[in-house]
Amino acid sequence: MTRNDSDPTDGEAACFEAGIKFGALYHQFAGTPVSPDSAPSLETAIEESIENQPFCESVTVDILTEKLAAEMDHEYTELTGRFMEVEIVVDREGCEVVTRMEMEDGYPLMKVESVR
């Protein structure tokens, strides 16, 4: 197939796929009850859930349990971006995109780290 100037590049398509994965991850799991004790199983559930999506090579979720414990008022709290660091790797048509979510200026910023 011939590529037109208006067709997305493989890198652009891979970045789009990564954005879809982050949207699903954040909006599916934000608000989930979590505690330092349940964080490891929730990390695994999030990783395995998002890895099921097409083109997803790997997902690494780190729930920041020390920060979580410091901000808890009860036995648990709700999961939000301020308690997570996430890396998602997408491979589409041989183009690998590494993306990351971490707090920046009080906001859970999702960004592209590299496109190869």
PDB file of N, CA and C in Angstrom:
ATOM      1  N   MET A   1       0.840  -1.168   0.000  1.00  0.00           N
ATOM      2  CA  MET A   1       0.000   0.000   0.000  1.00  0.00           C
ATOM      3  C   MET A   1       0.892   1.241   0.000  1.00  0.00           C
ATOM      4  N   THR A   2       0.519   2.213  -0.802  1.00  0.00           N
ATOM      5  CA  THR A   2       1.265   3.453  -0.902  1.00  0.00           C
ATOM      6  C   THR A   2       0.817   4.410   0.190  1.00  0.00           C
ATOM      7  N   ARG A   3       1.789   5.025   0.840  1.00  0.00           N
ATOM      8  CA  ARG A   3       1.493   5.962   1.927  1.00  0.00           C
ATOM      9  C   ARG A   3       1.294   7.355   1.358  1.00  0.00           C
ATOM     10  N   ASN A   4       0.206   8.015   1.751  1.00  0.00           N
ATOM     11  CA  ASN A   4      -0.035   9.408   1.396  1.00  0.00           C
ATOM     12  C   ASN A   4       0.500  10.300   2.496  1.00  0.00           C
ATOM     13  N   ASP A   5       0.741  11.572   2.187  1.00  0.00           N
ATOM     14  CA  ASP A   5       1.220  12.518   3.194  1.00  0.00           C
ATOM     15  C   ASP A   5       0.255  12.637   4.370  1.00  0.00           C
ATOM     16  N   SER A   6      -1.024  12.369   4.141  1.00  0.00           N
ATOM     17  CA  SER A   6      -2.011  12.493   5.218  1.00  0.00           C
ATOM     18  C   SER A   6      -2.161  11.219   6.040  1.00  0.00           C
ATOM     19  N   ASP A   7      -1.561  10.114   5.595  1.00  0.00           N
ATOM     20  CA  ASP A   7      -1.620   8.868   6.349  1.00  0.00           C
ATOM     21  C   ASP A   7      -0.711   8.959   7.567  1.00  0.00           C
ATOM     22  N   PRO A   8      -1.144   8.422   8.699  1.00  0.00           N
ATOM     23  CA  PRO A   8      -0.259   8.446   9.872  1.00  0.00           C
ATOM     24  C   PRO A   8       0.959   7.554   9.641  1.00  0.00           C
ATOM     25  N   THR A   9       2.078   7.978  10.185  1.00  0.00           N
ATOM     26  CA  THR A   9       3.281   7.142  10.148  1.00  0.00           C
ATOM     27  C   THR A   9       3.091   5.990  11.135  1.00  0.00           C
ATOM     28  N   ASP A  10       3.955   4.990  11.046  1.00  0.00           N
ATOM     29  CA  ASP A  10       3.901   3.892  12.021  1.00  0.00           C
ATOM     30  C   ASP A  10       4.119   4.419  13.430  1.00  0.00           C
ATOM     31  N   GLY A  11       5.019   5.382  13.591  1.00  0.00           N
ATOM     32  CA  GLY A  11       5.265   5.974  14.905  1.00  0.00           C
ATOM     33  C   GLY A  11       4.052   6.709  15.434  1.00  0.00           C
ATOM     34  N   GLU A  12       3.379   7.452  14.570  1.00  0.00           N
ATOM     35  CA  GLU A  12       2.167   8.160  14.988  1.00  0.00           C
ATOM     36  C   GLU A  12       1.069   7.175  15.393  1.00  0.00           C
ATOM     37  N   ALA A  13       0.915   6.111  14.619  1.00  0.00           N
ATOM     38  CA  ALA A  13      -0.093   5.098  14.948  1.00  0.00           C
ATOM     39  C   ALA A  13       0.240   4.408  16.267  1.00  0.00           C
ATOM     40  N   ALA A  14       1.521   4.136  16.498  1.00  0.00           N
ATOM     41  CA  ALA A  14       1.942   3.501  17.751  1.00  0.00           C
ATOM     42  C   ALA A  14       1.706   4.438  18.938  1.00  0.00           C
ATOM     43  N   CYS A  15       1.974   5.730  18.759  1.00  0.00           N
ATOM     44  CA  CYS A  15       1.712   6.705  19.826  1.00  0.00           C
ATOM     45  C   CYS A  15       0.214   6.780  20.130  1.00  0.00           C
ATOM     46  N   PHE A  16      -0.607   6.741  19.105  1.00  0.00           N
ATOM     47  CA  PHE A  16      -2.058   6.736  19.299  1.00  0.00           C
ATOM     48  C   PHE A  16      -2.469   5.516  20.122  1.00  0.00           C
ATOM     49  N   GLU A  17      -1.932   4.346  19.770  1.00  0.00           N
ATOM     50  CA  GLU A  17      -2.239   3.117  20.516  1.00  0.00           C
ATOM     51  C   GLU A  17      -1.848   3.260  21.985  1.00  0.00           C
ATOM     52  N   ALA A  18      -0.693   3.851  22.246  1.00  0.00           N
ATOM     53  CA  ALA A  18      -0.253   4.053  23.636  1.00  0.00           C
ATOM     54  C   ALA A  18      -1.223   4.963  24.366  1.00  0.00           C
ATOM     55  N   GLY A  19      -1.706   6.003  23.703  1.00  0.00           N
ATOM     56  CA  GLY A  19      -2.686   6.896  24.320  1.00  0.00           C
ATOM     57  C   GLY A  19      -3.971   6.177  24.680  1.00  0.00           C
ATOM     58  N   ILE A  20      -4.413   5.290  23.803  1.00  0.00           N
ATOM     59  CA  ILE A  20      -5.617   4.495  24.079  1.00  0.00           C
ATOM     60  C   ILE A  20      -5.399   3.640  25.327  1.00  0.00           C
ATOM     61  N   LYS A  21      -4.238   3.037  25.443  1.00  0.00           N
ATOM     62  CA  LYS A  21      -3.953   2.186  26.609  1.00  0.00           C
ATOM     63  C   LYS A  21      -3.954   3.005  27.899  1.00  0.00           C
ATOM     64  N   PHE A  22      -3.353   4.201  27.859  1.00  0.00           N
ATOM     65  CA  PHE A  22      -3.340   5.041  29.053  1.00  0.00           C
ATOM     66  C   PHE A  22      -4.744   5.511  29.412  1.00  0.00           C
ATOM     67  N   GLY A  23      -5.547   5.848  28.415  1.00  0.00           N
ATOM     68  CA  GLY A  23      -6.924   6.257  28.691  1.00  0.00           C
ATOM     69  C   GLY A  23      -7.703   5.136  29.351  1.00  0.00           C
ATOM     70  N   ALA A  24      -7.554   3.927  28.830  1.00  0.00           N
ATOM     71  CA  ALA A  24      -8.238   2.776  29.421  1.00  0.00           C
ATOM     72  C   ALA A  24      -7.743   2.519  30.839  1.00  0.00           C
ATOM     73  N   LEU A  25      -6.429   2.534  31.020  1.00  0.00           N
ATOM     74  CA  LEU A  25      -5.846   2.267  32.335  1.00  0.00           C
ATOM     75  C   LEU A  25      -6.348   3.271  33.364  1.00  0.00           C
ATOM     76  N   TYR A  26      -6.210   4.543  33.046  1.00  0.00           N
ATOM     77  CA  TYR A  26      -6.547   5.557  34.044  1.00  0.00           C
ATOM     78  C   TYR A  26      -8.034   5.563  34.369  1.00  0.00           C
ATOM     79  N   HIS A  27      -8.858   5.532  33.342  1.00  0.00           N
ATOM     80  CA  HIS A  27     -10.291   5.680  33.581  1.00  0.00           C
ATOM     81  C   HIS A  27     -10.951   4.385  34.046  1.00  0.00           C
ATOM     82  N   GLN A  28     -10.322   3.266  33.812  1.00  0.00           N
ATOM     83  CA  GLN A  28     -10.853   2.005  34.331  1.00  0.00           C
ATOM     84  C   GLN A  28     -10.512   1.826  35.804  1.00  0.00           C
ATOM     85  N   PHE A  29      -9.326   2.261  36.220  1.00  0.00           N
ATOM     86  CA  PHE A  29      -8.866   1.942  37.571  1.00  0.00           C
ATOM     87  C   PHE A  29      -8.877   3.113  38.546  1.00  0.00           C
ATOM     88  N   ALA A  30      -8.964   4.346  38.070  1.00  0.00           N
ATOM     89  CA  ALA A  30      -9.066   5.484  39.002  1.00  0.00           C
ATOM     90  C   ALA A  30     -10.327   5.313  39.835  1.00  0.00           C
ATOM     91  N   GLY A  31     -10.190   5.491  41.119  1.00  0.00           N
ATOM     92  CA  GLY A  31     -11.315   5.323  42.032  1.00  0.00           C
ATOM     93  C   GLY A  31     -11.389   3.942  42.672  1.00  0.00           C
ATOM     94  N   THR A  32     -10.536   3.022  42.238  1.00  0.00           N
ATOM     95  CA  THR A  32     -10.511   1.681  42.836  1.00  0.00           C
ATOM     96  C   THR A  32     -10.030   1.775  44.277  1.00  0.00           C
ATOM     97  N   PRO A  33     -10.727   1.153  45.216  1.00  0.00           N
ATOM     98  CA  PRO A  33     -10.238   1.139  46.594  1.00  0.00           C
ATOM     99  C   PRO A  33      -8.876   0.433  46.659  1.00  0.00           C
ATOM    100  N   VAL A  34      -7.923   1.043  47.365  1.00  0.00           N
ATOM    101  CA  VAL A  34      -6.579   0.474  47.451  1.00  0.00           C
ATOM    102  C   VAL A  34      -5.985   0.789  48.816  1.00  0.00           C
ATOM    103  N   SER A  35      -5.164  -0.127  49.297  1.00  0.00           N
ATOM    104  CA  SER A  35      -4.400   0.060  50.527  1.00  0.00           C
ATOM    105  C   SER A  35      -2.985  -0.429  50.251  1.00  0.00           C
ATOM    106  N   PRO A  36      -2.046  -0.120  51.136  1.00  0.00           N
ATOM    107  CA  PRO A  36      -0.693  -0.649  50.922  1.00  0.00           C
ATOM    108  C   PRO A  36      -0.673  -2.179  50.817  1.00  0.00           C
ATOM    109  N   ASP A  37      -1.557  -2.857  51.546  1.00  0.00           N
ATOM    110  CA  ASP A  37      -1.590  -4.320  51.489  1.00  0.00           C
ATOM    111  C   ASP A  37      -2.140  -4.849  50.166  1.00  0.00           C
ATOM    112  N   SER A  38      -3.095  -4.139  49.570  1.00  0.00           N
ATOM    113  CA  SER A  38      -3.706  -4.619  48.327  1.00  0.00           C
ATOM    114  C   SER A  38      -3.001  -4.083  47.078  1.00  0.00           C
ATOM    115  N   ALA A  39      -2.080  -3.147  47.235  1.00  0.00           N
ATOM    116  CA  ALA A  39      -1.425  -2.519  46.089  1.00  0.00           C
ATOM    117  C   ALA A  39      -0.737  -3.520  45.152  1.00  0.00           C
ATOM    118  N   PRO A  40       0.021  -4.499  45.650  1.00  0.00           N
ATOM    119  CA  PRO A  40       0.691  -5.416  44.721  1.00  0.00           C
ATOM    120  C   PRO A  40      -0.281  -6.202  43.835  1.00  0.00           C
ATOM    121  N   SER A  41      -1.380  -6.663  44.395  1.00  0.00           N
ATOM    122  CA  SER A  41      -2.326  -7.411  43.559  1.00  0.00           C
ATOM    123  C   SER A  41      -3.027  -6.491  42.564  1.00  0.00           C
ATOM    124  N   LEU A  42      -3.267  -5.233  42.950  1.00  0.00           N
ATOM    125  CA  LEU A  42      -3.873  -4.279  42.034  1.00  0.00           C
ATOM    126  C   LEU A  42      -2.896  -3.923  40.910  1.00  0.00           C
ATOM    127  N   GLU A  43      -1.620  -3.770  41.226  1.00  0.00           N
ATOM    128  CA  GLU A  43      -0.616  -3.531  40.185  1.00  0.00           C
ATOM    129  C   GLU A  43      -0.669  -4.636  39.133  1.00  0.00           C
ATOM    130  N   THR A  44      -0.685  -5.881  39.596  1.00  0.00           N
ATOM    131  CA  THR A  44      -0.719  -7.028  38.693  1.00  0.00           C
ATOM    132  C   THR A  44      -1.998  -7.031  37.863  1.00  0.00           C
ATOM    133  N   ALA A  45      -3.132  -6.763  38.487  1.00  0.00           N
ATOM    134  CA  ALA A  45      -4.407  -6.742  37.764  1.00  0.00           C
ATOM    135  C   ALA A  45      -4.408  -5.676  36.671  1.00  0.00           C
ATOM    136  N   ILE A  46      -3.879  -4.503  36.981  1.00  0.00           N
ATOM    137  CA  ILE A  46      -3.833  -3.424  35.992  1.00  0.00           C
ATOM    138  C   ILE A  46      -2.917  -3.821  34.834  1.00  0.00           C
ATOM    139  N   GLU A  47      -1.726  -4.306  35.162  1.00  0.00           N
ATOM    140  CA  GLU A  47      -0.765  -4.699  34.128  1.00  0.00           C
ATOM    141  C   GLU A  47      -1.356  -5.756  33.204  1.00  0.00           C
ATOM    142  N   GLU A  48      -1.910  -6.817  33.784  1.00  0.00           N
ATOM    143  CA  GLU A  48      -2.438  -7.914  32.975  1.00  0.00           C
ATOM    144  C   GLU A  48      -3.652  -7.488  32.159  1.00  0.00           C
ATOM    145  N   SER A  49      -4.462  -6.604  32.694  1.00  0.00           N
ATOM    146  CA  SER A  49      -5.636  -6.122  31.971  1.00  0.00           C
ATOM    147  C   SER A  49      -5.229  -5.321  30.739  1.00  0.00           C
ATOM    148  N   ILE A  50      -4.345  -4.365  30.909  1.00  0.00           N
ATOM    149  CA  ILE A  50      -3.956  -3.498  29.798  1.00  0.00           C
ATOM    150  C   ILE A  50      -3.105  -4.254  28.779  1.00  0.00           C
ATOM    151  N   GLU A  51      -2.292  -5.210  29.235  1.00  0.00           N
ATOM    152  CA  GLU A  51      -1.476  -6.003  28.308  1.00  0.00           C
ATOM    153  C   GLU A  51      -2.322  -6.841  27.357  1.00  0.00           C
ATOM    154  N   ASN A  52      -3.591  -7.066  27.658  1.00  0.00           N
ATOM    155  CA  ASN A  52      -4.475  -7.803  26.760  1.00  0.00           C
ATOM    156  C   ASN A  52      -4.788  -7.022  25.487  1.00  0.00           C
ATOM    157  N   GLN A  53      -4.612  -5.724  25.492  1.00  0.00           N
ATOM    158  CA  GLN A  53      -4.979  -4.897  24.352  1.00  0.00           C
ATOM    159  C   GLN A  53      -4.002  -5.087  23.189  1.00  0.00           C
ATOM    160  N   PRO A  54      -4.498  -4.907  21.963  1.00  0.00           N
ATOM    161  CA  PRO A  54      -3.634  -5.083  20.785  1.00  0.00           C
ATOM    162  C   PRO A  54      -2.412  -4.178  20.829  1.00  0.00           C
ATOM    163  N   PHE A  55      -1.300  -4.705  20.314  1.00  0.00           N
ATOM    164  CA  PHE A  55      -0.031  -3.998  20.149  1.00  0.00           C
ATOM    165  C   PHE A  55       0.694  -3.697  21.462  1.00  0.00           C
ATOM    166  N   CYS A  56       0.139  -4.092  22.593  1.00  0.00           N
ATOM    167  CA  CYS A  56       0.749  -3.796  23.881  1.00  0.00           C
ATOM    168  C   CYS A  56       1.833  -4.831  24.176  1.00  0.00           C
ATOM    169  N   GLU A  57       3.058  -4.372  24.315  1.00  0.00           N
ATOM    170  CA  GLU A  57       4.182  -5.260  24.616  1.00  0.00           C
ATOM    171  C   GLU A  57       4.350  -5.460  26.116  1.00  0.00           C
ATOM    172  N   SER A  58       4.259  -4.376  26.882  1.00  0.00           N
ATOM    173  CA  SER A  58       4.422  -4.511  28.332  1.00  0.00           C
ATOM    174  C   SER A  58       3.811  -3.319  29.047  1.00  0.00           C
ATOM    175  N   VAL A  59       3.420  -3.576  30.280  1.00  0.00           N
ATOM    176  CA  VAL A  59       2.888  -2.542  31.173  1.00  0.00           C
ATOM    177  C   VAL A  59       3.532  -2.761  32.532  1.00  0.00           C
ATOM    178  N   THR A  60       4.068  -1.703  33.096  1.00  0.00           N
ATOM    179  CA  THR A  60       4.637  -1.766  34.440  1.00  0.00           C
ATOM    180  C   THR A  60       3.949  -0.705  35.285  1.00  0.00           C
ATOM    181  N   VAL A  61       3.301  -1.151  36.364  1.00  0.00           N
ATOM    182  CA  VAL A  61       2.595  -0.250  37.268  1.00  0.00           C
ATOM    183  C   VAL A  61       3.272  -0.311  38.629  1.00  0.00           C
ATOM    184  N   ASP A  62       3.604   0.851  39.152  1.00  0.00           N
ATOM    185  CA  ASP A  62       4.170   0.951  40.492  1.00  0.00           C
ATOM    186  C   ASP A  62       3.241   1.831  41.318  1.00  0.00           C
ATOM    187  N   ILE A  63       2.500   1.212  42.230  1.00  0.00           N
ATOM    188  CA  ILE A  63       1.669   1.983  43.146  1.00  0.00           C
ATOM    189  C   ILE A  63       2.573   2.414  44.295  1.00  0.00           C
ATOM    190  N   LEU A  64       2.636   3.695  44.519  1.00  0.00           N
ATOM    191  CA  LEU A  64       3.557   4.281  45.495  1.00  0.00           C
ATOM    192  C   LEU A  64       2.993   4.098  46.901  1.00  0.00           C
ATOM    193  N   THR A  65       3.296   2.957  47.506  1.00  0.00           N
ATOM    194  CA  THR A  65       2.663   2.567  48.771  1.00  0.00           C
ATOM    195  C   THR A  65       3.021   3.493  49.935  1.00  0.00           C
ATOM    196  N   GLU A  66       4.231   4.028  49.957  1.00  0.00           N
ATOM    197  CA  GLU A  66       4.585   4.952  51.047  1.00  0.00           C
ATOM    198  C   GLU A  66       3.754   6.226  50.968  1.00  0.00           C
ATOM    199  N   LYS A  67       3.598   6.737  49.769  1.00  0.00           N
ATOM    200  CA  LYS A  67       2.769   7.929  49.568  1.00  0.00           C
ATOM    201  C   LYS A  67       1.307   7.610  49.866  1.00  0.00           C
ATOM    202  N   LEU A  68       0.870   6.452  49.446  1.00  0.00           N
ATOM    203  CA  LEU A  68      -0.496   5.999  49.697  1.00  0.00           C
ATOM    204  C   LEU A  68      -0.765   5.931  51.199  1.00  0.00           C
ATOM    205  N   ALA A  69       0.129   5.302  51.942  1.00  0.00           N
ATOM    206  CA  ALA A  69      -0.038   5.163  53.391  1.00  0.00           C
ATOM    207  C   ALA A  69      -0.041   6.518  54.085  1.00  0.00           C
ATOM    208  N   ALA A  70       0.785   7.436  53.615  1.00  0.00           N
ATOM    209  CA  ALA A  70       0.880   8.754  54.249  1.00  0.00           C
ATOM    210  C   ALA A  70      -0.391   9.577  54.078  1.00  0.00           C
ATOM    211  N   GLU A  71      -1.162   9.302  53.019  1.00  0.00           N
ATOM    212  CA  GLU A  71      -2.349  10.100  52.730  1.00  0.00           C
ATOM    213  C   GLU A  71      -3.661   9.409  53.088  1.00  0.00           C
ATOM    214  N   MET A  72      -3.585   8.214  53.671  1.00  0.00           N
ATOM    215  CA  MET A  72      -4.807   7.474  54.011  1.00  0.00           C
ATOM    216  C   MET A  72      -5.435   7.997  55.293  1.00  0.00           C
ATOM    217  N   ASP A  73      -6.747   8.191  55.253  1.00  0.00           N
ATOM    218  CA  ASP A  73      -7.502   8.580  56.436  1.00  0.00           C
ATOM    219  C   ASP A  73      -8.181   7.378  57.089  1.00  0.00           C
ATOM    220  N   HIS A  74      -8.414   6.324  56.318  1.00  0.00           N
ATOM    221  CA  HIS A  74      -9.122   5.132  56.795  1.00  0.00           C
ATOM    222  C   HIS A  74      -8.276   3.909  56.467  1.00  0.00           C
ATOM    223  N   GLU A  75      -8.918   2.766  56.331  1.00  0.00           N
ATOM    224  CA  GLU A  75      -8.199   1.530  56.019  1.00  0.00           C
ATOM    225  C   GLU A  75      -7.786   1.453  54.555  1.00  0.00           C
ATOM    226  N   TYR A  76      -8.387   2.286  53.718  1.00  0.00           N
ATOM    227  CA  TYR A  76      -8.037   2.316  52.302  1.00  0.00           C
ATOM    228  C   TYR A  76      -8.321   3.706  51.768  1.00  0.00           C
ATOM    229  N   THR A  77      -7.892   3.940  50.541  1.00  0.00           N
ATOM    230  CA  THR A  77      -8.214   5.178  49.838  1.00  0.00           C
ATOM    231  C   THR A  77      -8.489   4.830  48.394  1.00  0.00           C
ATOM    232  N   GLU A  78      -8.798   5.812  47.588  1.00  0.00           N
ATOM    233  CA  GLU A  78      -9.056   5.576  46.171  1.00  0.00           C
ATOM    234  C   GLU A  78      -7.782   5.777  45.366  1.00  0.00           C
ATOM    235  N   LEU A  79      -7.581   4.908  44.395  1.00  0.00           N
ATOM    236  CA  LEU A  79      -6.432   5.018  43.513  1.00  0.00           C
ATOM    237  C   LEU A  79      -6.599   6.229  42.597  1.00  0.00           C
ATOM    238  N   THR A  80      -5.576   7.046  42.531  1.00  0.00           N
ATOM    239  CA  THR A  80      -5.524   8.169  41.592  1.00  0.00           C
ATOM    240  C   THR A  80      -4.125   8.222  40.996  1.00  0.00           C
ATOM    241  N   GLY A  81      -3.949   9.095  40.031  1.00  0.00           N
ATOM    242  CA  GLY A  81      -2.652   9.231  39.381  1.00  0.00           C
ATOM    243  C   GLY A  81      -1.533   9.619  40.314  1.00  0.00           C
ATOM    244  N   ARG A  82      -1.849  10.292  41.400  1.00  0.00           N
ATOM    245  CA  ARG A  82      -0.775  10.721  42.307  1.00  0.00           C
ATOM    246  C   ARG A  82      -0.143   9.547  43.051  1.00  0.00           C
ATOM    247  N   PHE A  83      -0.794   8.391  43.009  1.00  0.00           N
ATOM    248  CA  PHE A  83      -0.259   7.201  43.683  1.00  0.00           C
ATOM    249  C   PHE A  83       0.369   6.192  42.719  1.00  0.00           C
ATOM    250  N   MET A  84       0.497   6.541  41.435  1.00  0.00           N
ATOM    251  CA  MET A  84       0.979   5.569  40.448  1.00  0.00           C
ATOM    252  C   MET A  84       2.085   6.147  39.578  1.00  0.00           C
ATOM    253  N   GLU A  85       3.010   5.277  39.216  1.00  0.00           N
ATOM    254  CA  GLU A  85       3.934   5.529  38.121  1.00  0.00           C
ATOM    255  C   GLU A  85       3.765   4.355  37.170  1.00  0.00           C
ATOM    256  N   VAL A  86       3.605   4.645  35.888  1.00  0.00           N
ATOM    257  CA  VAL A  86       3.272   3.615  34.907  1.00  0.00           C
ATOM    258  C   VAL A  86       4.157   3.773  33.676  1.00  0.00           C
ATOM    259  N   GLU A  87       4.581   2.642  33.137  1.00  0.00           N
ATOM    260  CA  GLU A  87       5.249   2.621  31.842  1.00  0.00           C
ATOM    261  C   GLU A  87       4.496   1.656  30.942  1.00  0.00           C
ATOM    262  N   ILE A  88       4.207   2.086  29.716  1.00  0.00           N
ATOM    263  CA  ILE A  88       3.552   1.234  28.722  1.00  0.00           C
ATOM    264  C   ILE A  88       4.422   1.227  27.478  1.00  0.00           C
ATOM    265  N   VAL A  89       4.683   0.024  26.963  1.00  0.00           N
ATOM    266  CA  VAL A  89       5.444  -0.139  25.724  1.00  0.00           C
ATOM    267  C   VAL A  89       4.508  -0.738  24.684  1.00  0.00           C
ATOM    268  N   VAL A  90       4.423  -0.070  23.545  1.00  0.00           N
ATOM    269  CA  VAL A  90       3.581  -0.496  22.428  1.00  0.00           C
ATOM    270  C   VAL A  90       4.492  -0.783  21.245  1.00  0.00           C
ATOM    271  N   ASP A  91       4.188  -1.844  20.509  1.00  0.00           N
ATOM    272  CA  ASP A  91       4.911  -2.144  19.277  1.00  0.00           C
ATOM    273  C   ASP A  91       3.875  -2.312  18.173  1.00  0.00           C
ATOM    274  N   ARG A  92       3.931  -1.411  17.220  1.00  0.00           N
ATOM    275  CA  ARG A  92       2.996  -1.474  16.095  1.00  0.00           C
ATOM    276  C   ARG A  92       3.799  -1.401  14.810  1.00  0.00           C
ATOM    277  N   GLU A  93       3.656  -2.440  13.980  1.00  0.00           N
ATOM    278  CA  GLU A  93       4.351  -2.500  12.691  1.00  0.00           C
ATOM    279  C   GLU A  93       5.859  -2.304  12.854  1.00  0.00           C
ATOM    280  N   GLY A  94       6.419  -2.856  13.947  1.00  0.00           N
ATOM    281  CA  GLY A  94       7.851  -2.767  14.180  1.00  0.00           C
ATOM    282  C   GLY A  94       8.316  -1.448  14.774  1.00  0.00           C
ATOM    283  N   CYS A  95       7.397  -0.567  15.078  1.00  0.00           N
ATOM    284  CA  CYS A  95       7.737   0.709  15.705  1.00  0.00           C
ATOM    285  C   CYS A  95       7.405   0.617  17.193  1.00  0.00           C
ATOM    286  N   GLU A  96       8.425   0.747  18.027  1.00  0.00           N
ATOM    287  CA  GLU A  96       8.240   0.646  19.474  1.00  0.00           C
ATOM    288  C   GLU A  96       8.125   2.042  20.084  1.00  0.00           C
ATOM    289  N   VAL A  97       7.086   2.213  20.894  1.00  0.00           N
ATOM    290  CA  VAL A  97       6.862   3.467  21.605  1.00  0.00           C
ATOM    291  C   VAL A  97       6.880   3.170  23.095  1.00  0.00           C
ATOM    292  N   VAL A  98       7.688   3.916  23.834  1.00  0.00           N
ATOM    293  CA  VAL A  98       7.755   3.804  25.289  1.00  0.00           C
ATOM    294  C   VAL A  98       7.092   5.053  25.856  1.00  0.00           C
ATOM    295  N   THR A  99       6.086   4.840  26.702  1.00  0.00           N
ATOM    296  CA  THR A  99       5.348   5.951  27.300  1.00  0.00           C
ATOM    297  C   THR A  99       5.375   5.817  28.816  1.00  0.00           C
ATOM    298  N   ARG A 100       5.134   6.927  29.489  1.00  0.00           N
ATOM    299  CA  ARG A 100       5.220   6.935  30.952  1.00  0.00           C
ATOM    300  C   ARG A 100       4.183   7.889  31.521  1.00  0.00           C
ATOM    301  N   MET A 101       3.687   7.545  32.704  1.00  0.00           N
ATOM    302  CA  MET A 101       2.836   8.450  33.469  1.00  0.00           C
ATOM    303  C   MET A 101       3.460   8.630  34.840  1.00  0.00           C
ATOM    304  N   GLU A 102       3.633   9.902  35.217  1.00  0.00           N
ATOM    305  CA  GLU A 102       4.103  10.239  36.550  1.00  0.00           C
ATOM    306  C   GLU A 102       3.637  11.657  36.858  1.00  0.00           C
ATOM    307  N   MET A 103       3.664  12.008  38.104  1.00  0.00           N
ATOM    308  CA  MET A 103       3.192  13.323  38.517  1.00  0.00           C
ATOM    309  C   MET A 103       4.156  14.402  38.041  1.00  0.00           C
ATOM    310  N   GLU A 104       3.583  15.476  37.510  1.00  0.00           N
ATOM    311  CA  GLU A 104       4.361  16.637  37.127  1.00  0.00           C
ATOM    312  C   GLU A 104       3.511  17.869  37.397  1.00  0.00           C
ATOM    313  N   ASP A 105       4.003  18.728  38.263  1.00  0.00           N
ATOM    314  CA  ASP A 105       3.276  19.948  38.642  1.00  0.00           C
ATOM    315  C   ASP A 105       1.875  19.638  39.166  1.00  0.00           C
ATOM    316  N   GLY A 106       1.765  18.565  39.958  1.00  0.00           N
ATOM    317  CA  GLY A 106       0.497  18.212  40.580  1.00  0.00           C
ATOM    318  C   GLY A 106      -0.498  17.511  39.670  1.00  0.00           C
ATOM    319  N   TYR A 107      -0.059  17.083  38.495  1.00  0.00           N
ATOM    320  CA  TYR A 107      -0.949  16.455  37.519  1.00  0.00           C
ATOM    321  C   TYR A 107      -0.337  15.144  37.051  1.00  0.00           C
ATOM    322  N   PRO A 108      -1.141  14.058  36.905  1.00  0.00           N
ATOM    323  CA  PRO A 108      -0.593  12.796  36.396  1.00  0.00           C
ATOM    324  C   PRO A 108      -0.372  12.901  34.884  1.00  0.00           C
ATOM    325  N   LEU A 109       0.825  13.301  34.499  1.00  0.00           N
ATOM    326  CA  LEU A 109       1.146  13.556  33.096  1.00  0.00           C
ATOM    327  C   LEU A 109       1.539  12.264  32.388  1.00  0.00           C
ATOM    328  N   MET A 110       0.907  12.024  31.251  1.00  0.00           N
ATOM    329  CA  MET A 110       1.220  10.873  30.403  1.00  0.00           C
ATOM    330  C   MET A 110       1.995  11.409  29.207  1.00  0.00           C
ATOM    331  N   LYS A 111       3.177  10.829  28.952  1.00  0.00           N
ATOM    332  CA  LYS A 111       4.004  11.370  27.875  1.00  0.00           C
ATOM    333  C   LYS A 111       4.745  10.276  27.136  1.00  0.00           C
ATOM    334  N   VAL A 112       5.163  10.599  25.929  1.00  0.00           N
ATOM    335  CA  VAL A 112       5.963   9.700  25.116  1.00  0.00           C
ATOM    336  C   VAL A 112       7.425   9.887  25.490  1.00  0.00           C
ATOM    337  N   GLU A 113       8.074   8.805  25.876  1.00  0.00           N
ATOM    338  CA  GLU A 113       9.501   8.825  26.223  1.00  0.00           C
ATOM    339  C   GLU A 113      10.370   8.617  24.998  1.00  0.00           C
ATOM    340  N   SER A 114       9.965   7.652  24.140  1.00  0.00           N
ATOM    341  CA  SER A 114      10.776   7.386  22.946  1.00  0.00           C
ATOM    342  C   SER A 114       9.931   6.698  21.869  1.00  0.00           C
ATOM    343  N   VAL A 115      10.352   6.889  20.634  1.00  0.00           N
ATOM    344  CA  VAL A 115       9.754   6.232  19.473  1.00  0.00           C
ATOM    345  C   VAL A 115      10.922   5.655  18.673  1.00  0.00           C
ATOM    346  N   ARG A 116      10.915   4.318  18.494  1.00  0.00           N
ATOM    347  CA  ARG A 116      12.017   3.664  17.749  1.00  0.00           C
ATOM    348  C   ARG A 116      11.459   2.782  16.666  1.00  0.00           C
TER     349      ARG A 116
END
